Protein backbone atom coordinates (compact mmCIF):
# COMPACT_ATOMS: atom_id res chain seq x y z
CA ASN A 1 71.57 64.03 79.04
CA SER A 2 70.03 67.36 80.07
CA VAL A 3 66.65 65.88 81.03
CA GLU A 4 68.33 63.37 83.29
CA ASP A 5 70.44 66.14 84.86
CA LEU A 6 67.33 68.24 85.54
CA ARG A 7 65.58 65.21 87.05
CA ILE A 8 68.47 64.69 89.46
CA LYS A 9 68.84 68.41 90.22
CA TYR A 10 65.16 68.79 91.17
CA LYS A 11 65.01 65.38 92.89
CA VAL A 12 62.27 63.98 90.67
CA ASP A 13 61.77 60.23 90.58
CA ALA A 14 62.54 58.46 87.32
CA ALA A 15 59.53 57.71 85.15
CA ALA A 16 58.22 54.22 85.66
CA VAL A 17 55.52 52.09 84.17
CA PRO A 18 52.56 51.77 86.54
CA ARG A 19 52.30 48.34 88.06
CA LYS A 20 50.16 45.89 86.18
CA ILE A 21 46.61 45.57 87.45
CA ASN A 22 44.35 42.72 86.44
CA ARG A 23 40.91 44.19 86.08
CA PRO A 24 37.83 42.14 86.86
CA ARG A 25 36.77 39.97 83.94
CA LYS A 26 33.38 41.69 83.58
CA VAL A 27 35.17 45.04 83.05
CA THR A 28 37.75 43.76 80.57
CA ASN A 29 35.31 42.72 77.82
CA TRP A 30 35.97 39.05 78.50
CA GLY A 31 39.72 39.14 78.21
CA SER A 32 40.16 41.57 75.32
CA SER A 33 43.88 42.13 74.76
CA GLU A 34 43.31 45.87 74.31
CA THR A 35 42.13 46.42 77.88
CA ASN A 36 44.96 44.37 79.40
CA HIS A 37 47.72 46.09 77.46
CA GLN A 38 50.82 46.73 79.56
CA ALA A 39 53.48 49.12 78.29
CA GLU A 40 56.97 47.70 78.16
CA SER A 41 58.71 50.97 79.02
CA PRO A 42 57.81 54.33 80.55
CA ARG A 43 58.28 55.88 77.11
CA ASP A 44 55.65 53.56 75.59
CA HIS A 45 53.30 54.20 78.49
CA PHE A 46 53.46 58.00 78.26
CA ARG A 47 53.44 57.90 74.45
CA ARG A 48 50.09 56.08 74.54
CA ILE A 49 48.72 58.63 77.03
CA TYR A 50 49.99 61.51 74.87
CA PHE A 51 48.34 60.23 71.70
CA GLU A 52 45.07 59.47 73.50
CA SER A 53 44.94 63.02 74.86
CA LEU A 54 45.90 64.44 71.45
CA ASP A 55 43.08 62.48 69.76
CA HIS A 56 40.64 63.66 72.42
CA THR A 57 41.70 67.29 71.91
CA ILE A 58 41.31 67.03 68.12
CA ILE A 59 37.79 65.65 68.52
CA LEU A 60 36.85 68.48 70.90
CA ILE A 61 38.19 71.13 68.52
CA LYS A 62 36.35 69.62 65.55
CA THR A 63 33.04 69.44 67.41
CA ARG A 64 33.43 73.01 68.62
CA PHE A 65 34.24 74.58 65.25
CA GLU A 66 31.94 72.48 63.05
CA GLN A 67 28.78 73.64 64.79
CA PRO A 68 26.20 75.45 62.64
CA ASP A 69 26.22 78.45 65.00
CA PHE A 70 29.96 78.89 64.53
CA GLN A 71 29.51 78.84 60.74
CA THR A 72 26.86 81.57 61.13
CA TYR A 73 29.29 83.60 63.22
CA LEU A 74 31.93 83.30 60.48
CA LYS A 75 29.43 84.54 57.90
CA LEU A 76 28.52 87.50 60.10
CA GLN A 77 32.18 88.33 60.54
CA ALA A 78 32.78 88.10 56.78
CA LEU A 79 29.82 90.42 56.18
CA LEU A 80 31.10 92.91 58.75
CA PHE A 81 34.64 93.02 57.36
CA GLY A 82 33.31 93.11 53.81
CA ALA A 83 31.11 96.06 54.74
CA PHE A 84 34.07 98.04 56.08
CA LYS A 85 36.25 97.21 53.10
CA GLY A 86 33.44 97.75 50.60
CA ASP A 87 34.38 94.60 48.71
CA LEU A 88 31.15 92.63 49.01
CA GLY A 89 29.66 91.72 45.67
CA ASP A 90 25.96 92.56 45.31
CA GLU A 91 24.88 88.94 44.87
CA CYS A 92 27.08 87.68 47.73
CA GLN A 93 25.95 90.52 49.97
CA HIS A 94 22.27 89.90 49.25
CA GLU A 95 22.58 86.17 50.01
CA MET A 96 24.34 86.88 53.29
CA LEU A 97 21.78 89.49 54.27
CA GLU A 98 18.88 87.14 53.53
CA GLU A 99 20.45 84.47 55.72
CA ILE A 100 21.08 86.91 58.59
CA VAL A 101 17.60 88.40 58.41
CA GLY A 102 16.25 84.84 58.41
CA LEU A 103 18.01 84.26 61.74
CA PHE A 104 16.74 87.49 63.31
CA PRO A 105 13.49 88.29 61.46
CA ARG A 106 11.96 90.42 64.25
CA ASP A 107 15.08 92.57 64.69
CA LEU A 108 16.51 93.08 61.19
CA THR A 109 15.42 93.92 57.65
CA ILE A 110 17.41 93.65 54.43
CA ASP A 111 16.84 97.32 53.61
CA GLY A 112 18.04 98.40 57.04
CA LEU A 113 21.15 96.25 56.84
CA GLU A 114 21.98 97.48 53.34
CA GLY A 115 21.83 101.06 54.62
CA ASP A 116 24.08 100.18 57.57
CA ILE A 117 26.56 98.46 55.23
CA GLY A 118 26.66 101.54 53.03
CA PHE A 119 27.33 103.68 56.08
CA LEU A 120 30.08 101.36 57.37
CA SER A 121 31.84 101.19 54.00
CA ALA A 122 32.41 104.96 54.27
CA GLN A 123 34.21 104.52 57.62
CA GLU A 124 37.95 104.09 57.84
CA LEU A 125 39.20 100.81 59.32
CA ASN A 126 42.84 100.83 60.47
CA GLY A 127 43.42 97.06 60.50
CA ASP A 128 41.95 93.66 59.84
CA SER A 129 41.19 92.59 63.39
CA LEU A 130 37.92 92.41 65.25
CA THR A 131 39.43 94.73 67.85
CA GLU A 132 39.74 97.44 65.20
CA VAL A 133 36.08 96.95 64.24
CA ILE A 134 35.05 97.31 67.87
CA GLU A 135 37.07 100.52 68.15
CA VAL A 136 35.18 101.93 65.15
CA PHE A 137 31.84 101.09 66.80
CA LYS A 138 32.97 102.90 69.97
CA ARG A 139 33.26 106.22 68.11
CA PRO A 140 30.49 108.60 69.23
CA GLU A 141 29.43 109.47 65.66
CA ILE A 142 29.00 105.77 64.83
CA ARG A 143 27.13 104.99 68.04
CA SER A 144 24.66 107.79 67.41
CA ALA A 145 24.17 106.96 63.73
CA LEU A 146 23.52 103.21 64.02
CA PRO A 147 20.55 101.75 65.89
CA GLU A 148 21.09 99.15 68.58
């Protein structure tokens, strides 16, 4: 077994189940079997830890990417890429612009954004990544043409 050979080579102790600890009754929900569970083998012990950490990670990812602000960011990104590709439909574009102007009413107007989108659709985009979009915005002619 290669794992066993590596364990011996690097002088790592064999995996073992932690010794059983009887928690105080007030902590164990009055003898609930769930809190007193003892794994029968190291494999069972680490399997439980693995799945607990996996569940925790899934919950964190879901809460991070289901936030309303993240959905707004995705819409902004779709509008930006659609502007460069020139494939935004008029109705879709107008709805997106209204939503964005609603978020930043003191800084943006629909007419101003429509003009910027028209300008961006004339620019050449070499790829489909956000890095490519940033490179386009770094061009001196773009920087001077678009307001902050």
